[in-house]
Amino acid sequence: MMGPAAESPDAYIAALSGWQRERCQMMRGAILSAAPFDETIKWANLVFMANGPCILIRAEEQRVLLGFWRGKRLRDLEPRIKASGKYELGNLVLTEATEVTAEKVARLAAEAHRLNIEFGNPAART
């Protein structure tokens, strides 16, 4: 199951419940406090844009994904990020028992933002 069908980031969060709502609210706040992101709904996910797609939050039935378009480059900051796909994508898979702090999310978000500004839009075809 993908994230809730939502017309806005606020509606996305409002459609969640329990630990997923709390975790997604915390991560959203940490991301938005870390750098100047544009926030939108894309591909049924909460997506944070900065010179292209940068970070996503996707609530699923039993987990939440915190995805980074340049996630492979963030593994020194967070070794639990797993490479995904053949590009630079990486995801941190969160369950109710997974510990992650707002400070950690903000640090990852700030670095993800910096990488997109430095290297350009990760979705652009070269």
PDB file of N, CA and C in Angstrom:
ATOM      1  N   MET A   1       0.837  -1.185   0.000  1.00  0.00           N
ATOM      2  CA  MET A   1       0.000   0.000   0.000  1.00  0.00           C
ATOM      3  C   MET A   1       0.877   1.242   0.000  1.00  0.00           C
ATOM      4  N   MET A   2       0.579   2.161  -0.880  1.00  0.00           N
ATOM      5  CA  MET A   2       1.299   3.430  -0.923  1.00  0.00           C
ATOM      6  C   MET A   2       0.649   4.379   0.061  1.00  0.00           C
ATOM      7  N   GLY A   3       1.211   5.561   0.185  1.00  0.00           N
ATOM      8  CA  GLY A   3       0.697   6.558   1.109  1.00  0.00           C
ATOM      9  C   GLY A   3      -0.740   6.929   0.799  1.00  0.00           C
ATOM     10  N   PRO A   4      -1.367   7.653   1.722  1.00  0.00           N
ATOM     11  CA  PRO A   4      -2.759   8.028   1.505  1.00  0.00           C
ATOM     12  C   PRO A   4      -2.917   8.964   0.317  1.00  0.00           C
ATOM     13  N   ALA A   5      -4.017   8.826  -0.395  1.00  0.00           N
ATOM     14  CA  ALA A   5      -4.321   9.772  -1.475  1.00  0.00           C
ATOM     15  C   ALA A   5      -4.607  11.111  -0.816  1.00  0.00           C
ATOM     16  N   ALA A   6      -3.854  12.117  -1.185  1.00  0.00           N
ATOM     17  CA  ALA A   6      -3.998  13.408  -0.531  1.00  0.00           C
ATOM     18  C   ALA A   6      -3.764  14.519  -1.546  1.00  0.00           C
ATOM     19  N   GLU A   7      -4.449  15.617  -1.342  1.00  0.00           N
ATOM     20  CA  GLU A   7      -4.300  16.763  -2.239  1.00  0.00           C
ATOM     21  C   GLU A   7      -3.247  17.750  -1.768  1.00  0.00           C
ATOM     22  N   SER A   8      -2.821  17.628  -0.505  1.00  0.00           N
ATOM     23  CA  SER A   8      -1.832  18.558   0.041  1.00  0.00           C
ATOM     24  C   SER A   8      -0.996  17.839   1.096  1.00  0.00           C
ATOM     25  N   PRO A   9       0.172  18.391   1.417  1.00  0.00           N
ATOM     26  CA  PRO A   9       0.970  17.798   2.492  1.00  0.00           C
ATOM     27  C   PRO A   9       0.219  17.730   3.826  1.00  0.00           C
ATOM     28  N   ASP A  10      -0.547  18.766   4.149  1.00  0.00           N
ATOM     29  CA  ASP A  10      -1.327  18.732   5.392  1.00  0.00           C
ATOM     30  C   ASP A  10      -2.341  17.599   5.364  1.00  0.00           C
ATOM     31  N   ALA A  11      -2.996  17.396   4.224  1.00  0.00           N
ATOM     32  CA  ALA A  11      -3.977  16.314   4.093  1.00  0.00           C
ATOM     33  C   ALA A  11      -3.303  14.951   4.176  1.00  0.00           C
ATOM     34  N   TYR A  12      -2.095  14.838   3.652  1.00  0.00           N
ATOM     35  CA  TYR A  12      -1.347  13.580   3.736  1.00  0.00           C
ATOM     36  C   TYR A  12      -1.148  13.188   5.195  1.00  0.00           C
ATOM     37  N   ILE A  13      -0.650  14.124   5.993  1.00  0.00           N
ATOM     38  CA  ILE A  13      -0.409  13.858   7.414  1.00  0.00           C
ATOM     39  C   ILE A  13      -1.721  13.570   8.135  1.00  0.00           C
ATOM     40  N   ALA A  14      -2.752  14.352   7.830  1.00  0.00           N
ATOM     41  CA  ALA A  14      -4.046  14.182   8.494  1.00  0.00           C
ATOM     42  C   ALA A  14      -4.668  12.817   8.220  1.00  0.00           C
ATOM     43  N   ALA A  15      -4.343  12.210   7.089  1.00  0.00           N
ATOM     44  CA  ALA A  15      -4.915  10.912   6.730  1.00  0.00           C
ATOM     45  C   ALA A  15      -4.246   9.751   7.469  1.00  0.00           C
ATOM     46  N   LEU A  16      -3.130  10.016   8.129  1.00  0.00           N
ATOM     47  CA  LEU A  16      -2.413   8.969   8.860  1.00  0.00           C
ATOM     48  C   LEU A  16      -2.942   8.866  10.286  1.00  0.00           C
ATOM     49  N   SER A  17      -2.537   7.802  10.970  1.00  0.00           N
ATOM     50  CA  SER A  17      -2.928   7.643  12.372  1.00  0.00           C
ATOM     51  C   SER A  17      -1.799   6.954  13.138  1.00  0.00           C
ATOM     52  N   GLY A  18      -1.916   6.960  14.444  1.00  0.00           N
ATOM     53  CA  GLY A  18      -0.999   6.232  15.320  1.00  0.00           C
ATOM     54  C   GLY A  18       0.449   6.652  15.178  1.00  0.00           C
ATOM     55  N   TRP A  19       1.341   5.666  15.304  1.00  0.00           N
ATOM     56  CA  TRP A  19       2.767   5.942  15.284  1.00  0.00           C
ATOM     57  C   TRP A  19       3.215   6.524  13.946  1.00  0.00           C
ATOM     58  N   GLN A  20       2.538   6.131  12.854  1.00  0.00           N
ATOM     59  CA  GLN A  20       2.937   6.648  11.545  1.00  0.00           C
ATOM     60  C   GLN A  20       2.662   8.147  11.447  1.00  0.00           C
ATOM     61  N   ARG A  21       1.540   8.581  11.970  1.00  0.00           N
ATOM     62  CA  ARG A  21       1.238  10.015  11.945  1.00  0.00           C
ATOM     63  C   ARG A  21       2.254  10.786  12.785  1.00  0.00           C
ATOM     64  N   GLU A  22       2.532  10.296  13.975  1.00  0.00           N
ATOM     65  CA  GLU A  22       3.502  10.972  14.842  1.00  0.00           C
ATOM     66  C   GLU A  22       4.871  11.038  14.194  1.00  0.00           C
ATOM     67  N   ARG A  23       5.318   9.926  13.628  1.00  0.00           N
ATOM     68  CA  ARG A  23       6.647   9.867  13.017  1.00  0.00           C
ATOM     69  C   ARG A  23       6.715  10.770  11.788  1.00  0.00           C
ATOM     70  N   CYS A  24       5.703  10.721  10.950  1.00  0.00           N
ATOM     71  CA  CYS A  24       5.701  11.549   9.739  1.00  0.00           C
ATOM     72  C   CYS A  24       5.626  13.026  10.076  1.00  0.00           C
ATOM     73  N   GLN A  25       4.848  13.392  11.083  1.00  0.00           N
ATOM     74  CA  GLN A  25       4.796  14.793  11.517  1.00  0.00           C
ATOM     75  C   GLN A  25       6.160  15.251  11.991  1.00  0.00           C
ATOM     76  N   MET A  26       6.818  14.425  12.803  1.00  0.00           N
ATOM     77  CA  MET A  26       8.135  14.779  13.323  1.00  0.00           C
ATOM     78  C   MET A  26       9.130  14.954  12.184  1.00  0.00           C
ATOM     79  N   MET A  27       9.145  13.991  11.251  1.00  0.00           N
ATOM     80  CA  MET A  27      10.107  14.063  10.152  1.00  0.00           C
ATOM     81  C   MET A  27       9.823  15.256   9.245  1.00  0.00           C
ATOM     82  N   ARG A  28       8.562  15.506   8.968  1.00  0.00           N
ATOM     83  CA  ARG A  28       8.197  16.649   8.130  1.00  0.00           C
ATOM     84  C   ARG A  28       8.692  17.944   8.762  1.00  0.00           C
ATOM     85  N   GLY A  29       8.445  18.113  10.045  1.00  0.00           N
ATOM     86  CA  GLY A  29       8.903  19.313  10.735  1.00  0.00           C
ATOM     87  C   GLY A  29      10.415  19.452  10.716  1.00  0.00           C
ATOM     88  N   ALA A  30      11.114  18.332  10.931  1.00  0.00           N
ATOM     89  CA  ALA A  30      12.576  18.361  10.942  1.00  0.00           C
ATOM     90  C   ALA A  30      13.122  18.719   9.562  1.00  0.00           C
ATOM     91  N   ILE A  31      12.534  18.161   8.518  1.00  0.00           N
ATOM     92  CA  ILE A  31      12.978  18.445   7.147  1.00  0.00           C
ATOM     93  C   ILE A  31      12.757  19.918   6.817  1.00  0.00           C
ATOM     94  N   LEU A  32      11.567  20.422   7.122  1.00  0.00           N
ATOM     95  CA  LEU A  32      11.253  21.810   6.779  1.00  0.00           C
ATOM     96  C   LEU A  32      12.080  22.808   7.584  1.00  0.00           C
ATOM     97  N   SER A  33      12.534  22.405   8.768  1.00  0.00           N
ATOM     98  CA  SER A  33      13.369  23.303   9.574  1.00  0.00           C
ATOM     99  C   SER A  33      14.830  23.270   9.138  1.00  0.00           C
ATOM    100  N   ALA A  34      15.213  22.251   8.364  1.00  0.00           N
ATOM    101  CA  ALA A  34      16.620  22.051   8.017  1.00  0.00           C
ATOM    102  C   ALA A  34      17.096  22.884   6.839  1.00  0.00           C
ATOM    103  N   ALA A  35      16.200  23.175   5.900  1.00  0.00           N
ATOM    104  CA  ALA A  35      16.594  23.875   4.671  1.00  0.00           C
ATOM    105  C   ALA A  35      15.333  24.358   3.960  1.00  0.00           C
ATOM    106  N   PRO A  36      15.484  25.272   2.998  1.00  0.00           N
ATOM    107  CA  PRO A  36      14.313  25.814   2.287  1.00  0.00           C
ATOM    108  C   PRO A  36      13.801  24.858   1.200  1.00  0.00           C
ATOM    109  N   PHE A  37      12.955  23.928   1.588  1.00  0.00           N
ATOM    110  CA  PHE A  37      12.353  22.982   0.661  1.00  0.00           C
ATOM    111  C   PHE A  37      10.994  23.473   0.188  1.00  0.00           C
ATOM    112  N   ASP A  38      10.626  23.092  -1.032  1.00  0.00           N
ATOM    113  CA  ASP A  38       9.252  23.204  -1.503  1.00  0.00           C
ATOM    114  C   ASP A  38       8.626  21.845  -1.261  1.00  0.00           C
ATOM    115  N   GLU A  39       7.471  21.832  -0.654  1.00  0.00           N
ATOM    116  CA  GLU A  39       6.805  20.596  -0.259  1.00  0.00           C
ATOM    117  C   GLU A  39       5.597  20.350  -1.147  1.00  0.00           C
ATOM    118  N   THR A  40       5.432  19.106  -1.601  1.00  0.00           N
ATOM    119  CA  THR A  40       4.331  18.789  -2.502  1.00  0.00           C
ATOM    120  C   THR A  40       3.939  17.329  -2.353  1.00  0.00           C
ATOM    121  N   ILE A  41       2.879  16.948  -3.035  1.00  0.00           N
ATOM    122  CA  ILE A  41       2.497  15.548  -3.158  1.00  0.00           C
ATOM    123  C   ILE A  41       2.857  15.113  -4.576  1.00  0.00           C
ATOM    124  N   LYS A  42       3.676  14.069  -4.692  1.00  0.00           N
ATOM    125  CA  LYS A  42       4.049  13.501  -5.989  1.00  0.00           C
ATOM    126  C   LYS A  42       4.076  11.991  -5.835  1.00  0.00           C
ATOM    127  N   TRP A  43       3.540  11.298  -6.815  1.00  0.00           N
ATOM    128  CA  TRP A  43       3.559   9.834  -6.816  1.00  0.00           C
ATOM    129  C   TRP A  43       2.961   9.266  -5.530  1.00  0.00           C
ATOM    130  N   ALA A  44       1.936   9.920  -4.987  1.00  0.00           N
ATOM    131  CA  ALA A  44       1.262   9.537  -3.744  1.00  0.00           C
ATOM    132  C   ALA A  44       2.196   9.584  -2.533  1.00  0.00           C
ATOM    133  N   ASN A  45       3.245  10.382  -2.617  1.00  0.00           N
ATOM    134  CA  ASN A  45       4.201  10.556  -1.517  1.00  0.00           C
ATOM    135  C   ASN A  45       4.281  12.018  -1.131  1.00  0.00           C
ATOM    136  N   LEU A  46       4.732  12.264   0.067  1.00  0.00           N
ATOM    137  CA  LEU A  46       5.076  13.605   0.506  1.00  0.00           C
ATOM    138  C   LEU A  46       6.506  13.848   0.020  1.00  0.00           C
ATOM    139  N   VAL A  47       6.701  14.816  -0.878  1.00  0.00           N
ATOM    140  CA  VAL A  47       7.996  15.032  -1.519  1.00  0.00           C
ATOM    141  C   VAL A  47       8.491  16.444  -1.215  1.00  0.00           C
ATOM    142  N   PHE A  48       9.785  16.514  -0.923  1.00  0.00           N
ATOM    143  CA  PHE A  48      10.444  17.782  -0.620  1.00  0.00           C
ATOM    144  C   PHE A  48      11.415  18.066  -1.766  1.00  0.00           C
ATOM    145  N   MET A  49      11.201  19.213  -2.409  1.00  0.00           N
ATOM    146  CA  MET A  49      11.946  19.589  -3.604  1.00  0.00           C
ATOM    147  C   MET A  49      12.982  20.658  -3.261  1.00  0.00           C
ATOM    148  N   ALA A  50      14.146  20.550  -3.866  1.00  0.00           N
ATOM    149  CA  ALA A  50      15.200  21.558  -3.789  1.00  0.00           C
ATOM    150  C   ALA A  50      16.094  21.317  -4.994  1.00  0.00           C
ATOM    151  N   ASN A  51      15.921  22.106  -6.031  1.00  0.00           N
ATOM    152  CA  ASN A  51      16.657  21.879  -7.274  1.00  0.00           C
ATOM    153  C   ASN A  51      16.352  20.470  -7.780  1.00  0.00           C
ATOM    154  N   GLY A  52      15.075  20.128  -7.794  1.00  0.00           N
ATOM    155  CA  GLY A  52      14.617  18.788  -8.166  1.00  0.00           C
ATOM    156  C   GLY A  52      14.166  18.022  -6.936  1.00  0.00           C
ATOM    157  N   PRO A  53      13.695  16.802  -7.130  1.00  0.00           N
ATOM    158  CA  PRO A  53      13.254  16.002  -5.991  1.00  0.00           C
ATOM    159  C   PRO A  53      14.435  15.672  -5.079  1.00  0.00           C
ATOM    160  N   CYS A  54      14.200  15.742  -3.780  1.00  0.00           N
ATOM    161  CA  CYS A  54      15.292  15.583  -2.826  1.00  0.00           C
ATOM    162  C   CYS A  54      14.980  14.503  -1.781  1.00  0.00           C
ATOM    163  N   ILE A  55      13.807  14.621  -1.145  1.00  0.00           N
ATOM    164  CA  ILE A  55      13.440  13.721  -0.051  1.00  0.00           C
ATOM    165  C   ILE A  55      11.981  13.330  -0.223  1.00  0.00           C
ATOM    166  N   LEU A  56      11.649  12.108   0.196  1.00  0.00           N
ATOM    167  CA  LEU A  56      10.242  11.726   0.237  1.00  0.00           C
ATOM    168  C   LEU A  56       9.930  11.016   1.536  1.00  0.00           C
ATOM    169  N   ILE A  57       8.686  11.145   1.930  1.00  0.00           N
ATOM    170  CA  ILE A  57       8.122  10.381   3.036  1.00  0.00           C
ATOM    171  C   ILE A  57       6.968   9.587   2.449  1.00  0.00           C
ATOM    172  N   ARG A  58       6.988   8.259   2.675  1.00  0.00           N
ATOM    173  CA  ARG A  58       5.900   7.420   2.203  1.00  0.00           C
ATOM    174  C   ARG A  58       5.455   6.501   3.331  1.00  0.00           C
ATOM    175  N   ALA A  59       4.225   6.675   3.747  1.00  0.00           N
ATOM    176  CA  ALA A  59       3.645   5.788   4.759  1.00  0.00           C
ATOM    177  C   ALA A  59       3.037   4.588   4.053  1.00  0.00           C
ATOM    178  N   GLU A  60       3.400   3.415   4.518  1.00  0.00           N
ATOM    179  CA  GLU A  60       2.844   2.172   4.004  1.00  0.00           C
ATOM    180  C   GLU A  60       2.124   1.472   5.152  1.00  0.00           C
ATOM    181  N   GLU A  61       1.557   0.319   4.885  1.00  0.00           N
ATOM    182  CA  GLU A  61       0.736  -0.356   5.890  1.00  0.00           C
ATOM    183  C   GLU A  61       1.498  -0.655   7.183  1.00  0.00           C
ATOM    184  N   GLN A  62       2.724  -1.139   7.083  1.00  0.00           N
ATOM    185  CA  GLN A  62       3.478  -1.547   8.265  1.00  0.00           C
ATOM    186  C   GLN A  62       4.779  -0.774   8.484  1.00  0.00           C
ATOM    187  N   ARG A  63       5.046   0.192   7.623  1.00  0.00           N
ATOM    188  CA  ARG A  63       6.309   0.918   7.736  1.00  0.00           C
ATOM    189  C   ARG A  63       6.173   2.313   7.141  1.00  0.00           C
ATOM    190  N   VAL A  64       7.207   3.104   7.358  1.00  0.00           N
ATOM    191  CA  VAL A  64       7.327   4.424   6.739  1.00  0.00           C
ATOM    192  C   VAL A  64       8.695   4.478   6.078  1.00  0.00           C
ATOM    193  N   LEU A  65       8.742   4.955   4.852  1.00  0.00           N
ATOM    194  CA  LEU A  65      10.014   5.141   4.158  1.00  0.00           C
ATOM    195  C   LEU A  65      10.397   6.610   4.190  1.00  0.00           C
ATOM    196  N   LEU A  66      11.645   6.856   4.542  1.00  0.00           N
ATOM    197  CA  LEU A  66      12.243   8.174   4.406  1.00  0.00           C
ATOM    198  C   LEU A  66      13.261   8.012   3.291  1.00  0.00           C
ATOM    199  N   GLY A  67      12.915   8.512   2.111  1.00  0.00           N
ATOM    200  CA  GLY A  67      13.732   8.287   0.930  1.00  0.00           C
ATOM    201  C   GLY A  67      14.495   9.533   0.519  1.00  0.00           C
ATOM    202  N   PHE A  68      15.665   9.299  -0.026  1.00  0.00           N
ATOM    203  CA  PHE A  68      16.537  10.387  -0.471  1.00  0.00           C
ATOM    204  C   PHE A  68      16.997  10.094  -1.895  1.00  0.00           C
ATOM    205  N   TRP A  69      16.840  11.062  -2.784  1.00  0.00           N
ATOM    206  CA  TRP A  69      17.293  10.882  -4.164  1.00  0.00           C
ATOM    207  C   TRP A  69      18.807  10.710  -4.221  1.00  0.00           C
ATOM    208  N   ARG A  70      19.517  11.259  -3.280  1.00  0.00           N
ATOM    209  CA  ARG A  70      20.972  11.080  -3.207  1.00  0.00           C
ATOM    210  C   ARG A  70      21.343  10.289  -1.946  1.00  0.00           C
ATOM    211  N   GLY A  71      20.531   9.321  -1.629  1.00  0.00           N
ATOM    212  CA  GLY A  71      20.689   8.557  -0.393  1.00  0.00           C
ATOM    213  C   GLY A  71      21.998   7.804  -0.273  1.00  0.00           C
ATOM    214  N   LYS A  72      22.530   7.311  -1.366  1.00  0.00           N
ATOM    215  CA  LYS A  72      23.801   6.581  -1.292  1.00  0.00           C
ATOM    216  C   LYS A  72      24.908   7.467  -0.751  1.00  0.00           C
ATOM    217  N   ARG A  73      24.820   8.758  -0.996  1.00  0.00           N
ATOM    218  CA  ARG A  73      25.840   9.691  -0.504  1.00  0.00           C
ATOM    219  C   ARG A  73      25.632  10.053   0.969  1.00  0.00           C
ATOM    220  N   LEU A  74      24.517   9.652   1.545  1.00  0.00           N
ATOM    221  CA  LEU A  74      24.212   9.987   2.940  1.00  0.00           C
ATOM    222  C   LEU A  74      24.513   8.843   3.906  1.00  0.00           C
ATOM    223  N   ARG A  75      25.006   7.740   3.398  1.00  0.00           N
ATOM    224  CA  ARG A  75      25.194   6.558   4.236  1.00  0.00           C
ATOM    225  C   ARG A  75      26.275   6.738   5.299  1.00  0.00           C
ATOM    226  N   ASP A  76      27.197   7.680   5.106  1.00  0.00           N
ATOM    227  CA  ASP A  76      28.168   7.968   6.170  1.00  0.00           C
ATOM    228  C   ASP A  76      27.479   8.607   7.370  1.00  0.00           C
ATOM    229  N   LEU A  77      26.446   9.413   7.111  1.00  0.00           N
ATOM    230  CA  LEU A  77      25.689  10.034   8.204  1.00  0.00           C
ATOM    231  C   LEU A  77      24.699   9.070   8.838  1.00  0.00           C
ATOM    232  N   GLU A  78      24.156   8.158   8.039  1.00  0.00           N
ATOM    233  CA  GLU A  78      23.154   7.204   8.521  1.00  0.00           C
ATOM    234  C   GLU A  78      23.345   5.866   7.808  1.00  0.00           C
ATOM    235  N   PRO A  79      24.104   4.941   8.427  1.00  0.00           N
ATOM    236  CA  PRO A  79      24.399   3.659   7.777  1.00  0.00           C
ATOM    237  C   PRO A  79      23.174   2.779   7.528  1.00  0.00           C
ATOM    238  N   ARG A  80      22.050   3.059   8.177  1.00  0.00           N
ATOM    239  CA  ARG A  80      20.836   2.264   7.953  1.00  0.00           C
ATOM    240  C   ARG A  80      20.165   2.582   6.628  1.00  0.00           C
ATOM    241  N   ILE A  81      20.599   3.632   5.934  1.00  0.00           N
ATOM    242  CA  ILE A  81      20.040   3.936   4.614  1.00  0.00           C
ATOM    243  C   ILE A  81      20.471   2.834   3.655  1.00  0.00           C
ATOM    244  N   LYS A  82      19.489   2.237   3.000  1.00  0.00           N
ATOM    245  CA  LYS A  82      19.742   1.149   2.048  1.00  0.00           C
ATOM    246  C   LYS A  82      19.642   1.690   0.625  1.00  0.00           C
ATOM    247  N   ALA A  83      20.634   1.337  -0.186  1.00  0.00           N
ATOM    248  CA  ALA A  83      20.610   1.726  -1.590  1.00  0.00           C
ATOM    249  C   ALA A  83      19.371   1.143  -2.250  1.00  0.00           C
ATOM    250  N   SER A  84      18.793   1.912  -3.165  1.00  0.00           N
ATOM    251  CA  SER A  84      17.567   1.489  -3.836  1.00  0.00           C
ATOM    252  C   SER A  84      17.653   1.872  -5.300  1.00  0.00           C
ATOM    253  N   GLY A  85      17.690   0.901  -6.156  1.00  0.00           N
ATOM    254  CA  GLY A  85      17.752   1.211  -7.576  1.00  0.00           C
ATOM    255  C   GLY A  85      19.175   1.388  -8.058  1.00  0.00           C
ATOM    256  N   LYS A  86      19.299   1.713  -9.339  1.00  0.00           N
ATOM    257  CA  LYS A  86      20.628   1.791  -9.933  1.00  0.00           C
ATOM    258  C   LYS A  86      21.238   3.184  -9.896  1.00  0.00           C
ATOM    259  N   TYR A  87      20.522   4.153  -9.393  1.00  0.00           N
ATOM    260  CA  TYR A  87      21.058   5.507  -9.323  1.00  0.00           C
ATOM    261  C   TYR A  87      21.554   5.788  -7.914  1.00  0.00           C
ATOM    262  N   GLU A  88      21.305   6.941  -7.381  1.00  0.00           N
ATOM    263  CA  GLU A  88      21.783   7.297  -6.052  1.00  0.00           C
ATOM    264  C   GLU A  88      20.709   7.175  -4.974  1.00  0.00           C
ATOM    265  N   LEU A  89      19.572   6.623  -5.313  1.00  0.00           N
ATOM    266  CA  LEU A  89      18.476   6.534  -4.359  1.00  0.00           C
ATOM    267  C   LEU A  89      18.850   5.708  -3.140  1.00  0.00           C
ATOM    268  N   GLY A  90      18.289   6.115  -1.996  1.00  0.00           N
ATOM    269  CA  GLY A  90      18.464   5.357  -0.765  1.00  0.00           C
ATOM    270  C   GLY A  90      17.299   5.617   0.159  1.00  0.00           C
ATOM    271  N   ASN A  91      16.911   4.585   0.907  1.00  0.00           N
ATOM    272  CA  ASN A  91      15.764   4.679   1.813  1.00  0.00           C
ATOM    273  C   ASN A  91      16.152   4.266   3.221  1.00  0.00           C
ATOM    274  N   LEU A  92      15.603   4.968   4.175  1.00  0.00           N
ATOM    275  CA  LEU A  92      15.647   4.559   5.567  1.00  0.00           C
ATOM    276  C   LEU A  92      14.269   3.989   5.866  1.00  0.00           C
ATOM    277  N   VAL A  93      14.209   2.695   6.169  1.00  0.00           N
ATOM    278  CA  VAL A  93      12.949   2.013   6.424  1.00  0.00           C
ATOM    279  C   VAL A  93      12.668   2.077   7.917  1.00  0.00           C
ATOM    280  N   LEU A  94      11.510   2.636   8.247  1.00  0.00           N
ATOM    281  CA  LEU A  94      11.140   2.820   9.651  1.00  0.00           C
ATOM    282  C   LEU A  94       9.919   1.984  10.002  1.00  0.00           C
ATOM    283  N   THR A  95      10.016   1.272  11.114  1.00  0.00           N
ATOM    284  CA  THR A  95       8.857   0.605  11.695  1.00  0.00           C
ATOM    285  C   THR A  95       8.565   1.312  13.014  1.00  0.00           C
ATOM    286  N   GLU A  96       7.536   0.873  13.694  1.00  0.00           N
ATOM    287  CA  GLU A  96       7.208   1.503  14.968  1.00  0.00           C
ATOM    288  C   GLU A  96       8.385   1.426  15.939  1.00  0.00           C
ATOM    289  N   ALA A  97       9.160   0.359  15.881  1.00  0.00           N
ATOM    290  CA  ALA A  97      10.274   0.159  16.810  1.00  0.00           C
ATOM    291  C   ALA A  97      11.558   0.869  16.404  1.00  0.00           C
ATOM    292  N   THR A  98      11.640   1.376  15.174  1.00  0.00           N
ATOM    293  CA  THR A  98      12.860   2.028  14.696  1.00  0.00           C
ATOM    294  C   THR A  98      13.012   3.390  15.357  1.00  0.00           C
ATOM    295  N   GLU A  99      14.176   3.604  15.930  1.00  0.00           N
ATOM    296  CA  GLU A  99      14.443   4.896  16.561  1.00  0.00           C
ATOM    297  C   GLU A  99      15.108   5.838  15.566  1.00  0.00           C
ATOM    298  N   VAL A 100      14.573   7.045  15.508  1.00  0.00           N
ATOM    299  CA  VAL A 100      15.187   8.111  14.712  1.00  0.00           C
ATOM    300  C   VAL A 100      14.755   9.426  15.357  1.00  0.00           C
ATOM    301  N   THR A 101      15.688  10.342  15.486  1.00  0.00           N
ATOM    302  CA  THR A 101      15.398  11.617  16.136  1.00  0.00           C
ATOM    303  C   THR A 101      15.174  12.716  15.108  1.00  0.00           C
ATOM    304  N   ALA A 102      14.513  13.768  15.553  1.00  0.00           N
ATOM    305  CA  ALA A 102      14.321  14.937  14.695  1.00  0.00           C
ATOM    306  C   ALA A 102      15.674  15.532  14.309  1.00  0.00           C
ATOM    307  N   GLU A 103      16.622  15.504  15.221  1.00  0.00           N
ATOM    308  CA  GLU A 103      17.956  16.044  14.936  1.00  0.00           C
ATOM    309  C   GLU A 103      18.632  15.262  13.815  1.00  0.00           C
ATOM    310  N   LYS A 104      18.511  13.935  13.844  1.00  0.00           N
ATOM    311  CA  LYS A 104      19.108  13.094  12.800  1.00  0.00           C
ATOM    312  C   LYS A 104      18.444  13.371  11.447  1.00  0.00           C
ATOM    313  N   VAL A 105      17.109  13.454  11.452  1.00  0.00           N
ATOM    314  CA  VAL A 105      16.376  13.721  10.206  1.00  0.00           C
ATOM    315  C   VAL A 105      16.770  15.089   9.661  1.00  0.00           C
ATOM    316  N   ALA A 106      16.876  16.086  10.526  1.00  0.00           N
ATOM    317  CA  ALA A 106      17.253  17.431  10.079  1.00  0.00           C
ATOM    318  C   ALA A 106      18.662  17.444   9.504  1.00  0.00           C
ATOM    319  N   ARG A 107      19.562  16.712  10.113  1.00  0.00           N
ATOM    320  CA  ARG A 107      20.942  16.651   9.614  1.00  0.00           C
ATOM    321  C   ARG A 107      20.990  16.002   8.229  1.00  0.00           C
ATOM    322  N   LEU A 108      20.253  14.906   8.073  1.00  0.00           N
ATOM    323  CA  LEU A 108      20.182  14.251   6.768  1.00  0.00           C
ATOM    324  C   LEU A 108      19.546  15.166   5.728  1.00  0.00           C
ATOM    325  N   ALA A 109      18.483  15.859   6.119  1.00  0.00           N
ATOM    326  CA  ALA A 109      17.786  16.757   5.192  1.00  0.00           C
ATOM    327  C   ALA A 109      18.682  17.905   4.755  1.00  0.00           C
ATOM    328  N   ALA A 110      19.421  18.481   5.694  1.00  0.00           N
ATOM    329  CA  ALA A 110      20.316  19.591   5.353  1.00  0.00           C
ATOM    330  C   ALA A 110      21.384  19.136   4.368  1.00  0.00           C
ATOM    331  N   GLU A 111      21.929  17.935   4.583  1.00  0.00           N
ATOM    332  CA  GLU A 111      22.957  17.426   3.675  1.00  0.00           C
ATOM    333  C   GLU A 111      22.357  17.056   2.323  1.00  0.00           C
ATOM    334  N   ALA A 112      21.162  16.472   2.314  1.00  0.00           N
ATOM    335  CA  ALA A 112      20.495  16.151   1.051  1.00  0.00           C
ATOM    336  C   ALA A 112      20.246  17.425   0.245  1.00  0.00           C
ATOM    337  N   HIS A 113      19.822  18.473   0.909  1.00  0.00           N
ATOM    338  CA  HIS A 113      19.596  19.765   0.262  1.00  0.00           C
ATOM    339  C   HIS A 113      20.901  20.283  -0.334  1.00  0.00           C
ATOM    340  N   ARG A 114      21.961  20.247   0.445  1.00  0.00           N
ATOM    341  CA  ARG A 114      23.260  20.736  -0.022  1.00  0.00           C
ATOM    342  C   ARG A 114      23.715  19.962  -1.267  1.00  0.00           C
ATOM    343  N   LEU A 115      23.527  18.650  -1.251  1.00  0.00           N
ATOM    344  CA  LEU A 115      23.928  17.833  -2.398  1.00  0.00           C
ATOM    345  C   LEU A 115      23.137  18.199  -3.654  1.00  0.00           C
ATOM    346  N   ASN A 116      21.840  18.429  -3.515  1.00  0.00           N
ATOM    347  CA  ASN A 116      21.044  18.809  -4.692  1.00  0.00           C
ATOM    348  C   ASN A 116      21.456  20.168  -5.225  1.00  0.00           C
ATOM    349  N   ILE A 117      21.784  21.089  -4.340  1.00  0.00           N
ATOM    350  CA  ILE A 117      22.225  22.412  -4.797  1.00  0.00           C
ATOM    351  C   ILE A 117      23.580  22.278  -5.498  1.00  0.00           C
ATOM    352  N   GLU A 118      24.482  21.494  -4.921  1.00  0.00           N
ATOM    353  CA  GLU A 118      25.820  21.343  -5.491  1.00  0.00           C
ATOM    354  C   GLU A 118      25.825  20.558  -6.805  1.00  0.00           C
ATOM    355  N   PHE A 119      25.077  19.448  -6.866  1.00  0.00           N
ATOM    356  CA  PHE A 119      25.163  18.556  -8.019  1.00  0.00           C
ATOM    357  C   PHE A 119      24.006  18.688  -8.996  1.00  0.00           C
ATOM    358  N   GLY A 120      22.981  19.475  -8.651  1.00  0.00           N
ATOM    359  CA  GLY A 120      21.873  19.682  -9.568  1.00  0.00           C
ATOM    360  C   GLY A 120      20.727  18.723  -9.354  1.00  0.00           C
ATOM    361  N   ASN A 121      19.778  18.823 -10.202  1.00  0.00           N
ATOM    362  CA  ASN A 121      18.549  18.037 -10.139  1.00  0.00           C
ATOM    363  C   ASN A 121      18.875  16.554 -10.376  1.00  0.00           C
ATOM    364  N   PRO A 122      18.639  15.680  -9.374  1.00  0.00           N
ATOM    365  CA  PRO A 122      18.970  14.266  -9.575  1.00  0.00           C
ATOM    366  C   PRO A 122      18.064  13.557 -10.561  1.00  0.00           C
ATOM    367  N   ALA A 123      16.936  14.167 -10.902  1.00  0.00           N
ATOM    368  CA  ALA A 123      16.010  13.560 -11.859  1.00  0.00           C
ATOM    369  C   ALA A 123      16.267  14.000 -13.296  1.00  0.00           C
ATOM    370  N   ALA A 124      17.186  14.947 -13.476  1.00  0.00           N
ATOM    371  CA  ALA A 124      17.477  15.437 -14.832  1.00  0.00           C
ATOM    372  C   ALA A 124      18.260  14.384 -15.596  1.00  0.00           C
ATOM    373  N   ARG A 125      17.908  14.218 -16.827  1.00  0.00           N
ATOM    374  CA  ARG A 125      18.609  13.256 -17.700  1.00  0.00           C
ATOM    375  C   ARG A 125      19.799  13.959 -18.328  1.00  0.00           C
ATOM    376  N   THR A 126      20.933  13.322 -18.239  1.00  0.00           N
ATOM    377  CA  THR A 126      22.142  13.942 -18.833  1.00  0.00           C
ATOM    378  C   THR A 126      22.572  13.199 -20.070  1.00  0.00           C
TER     379      THR A 126
END
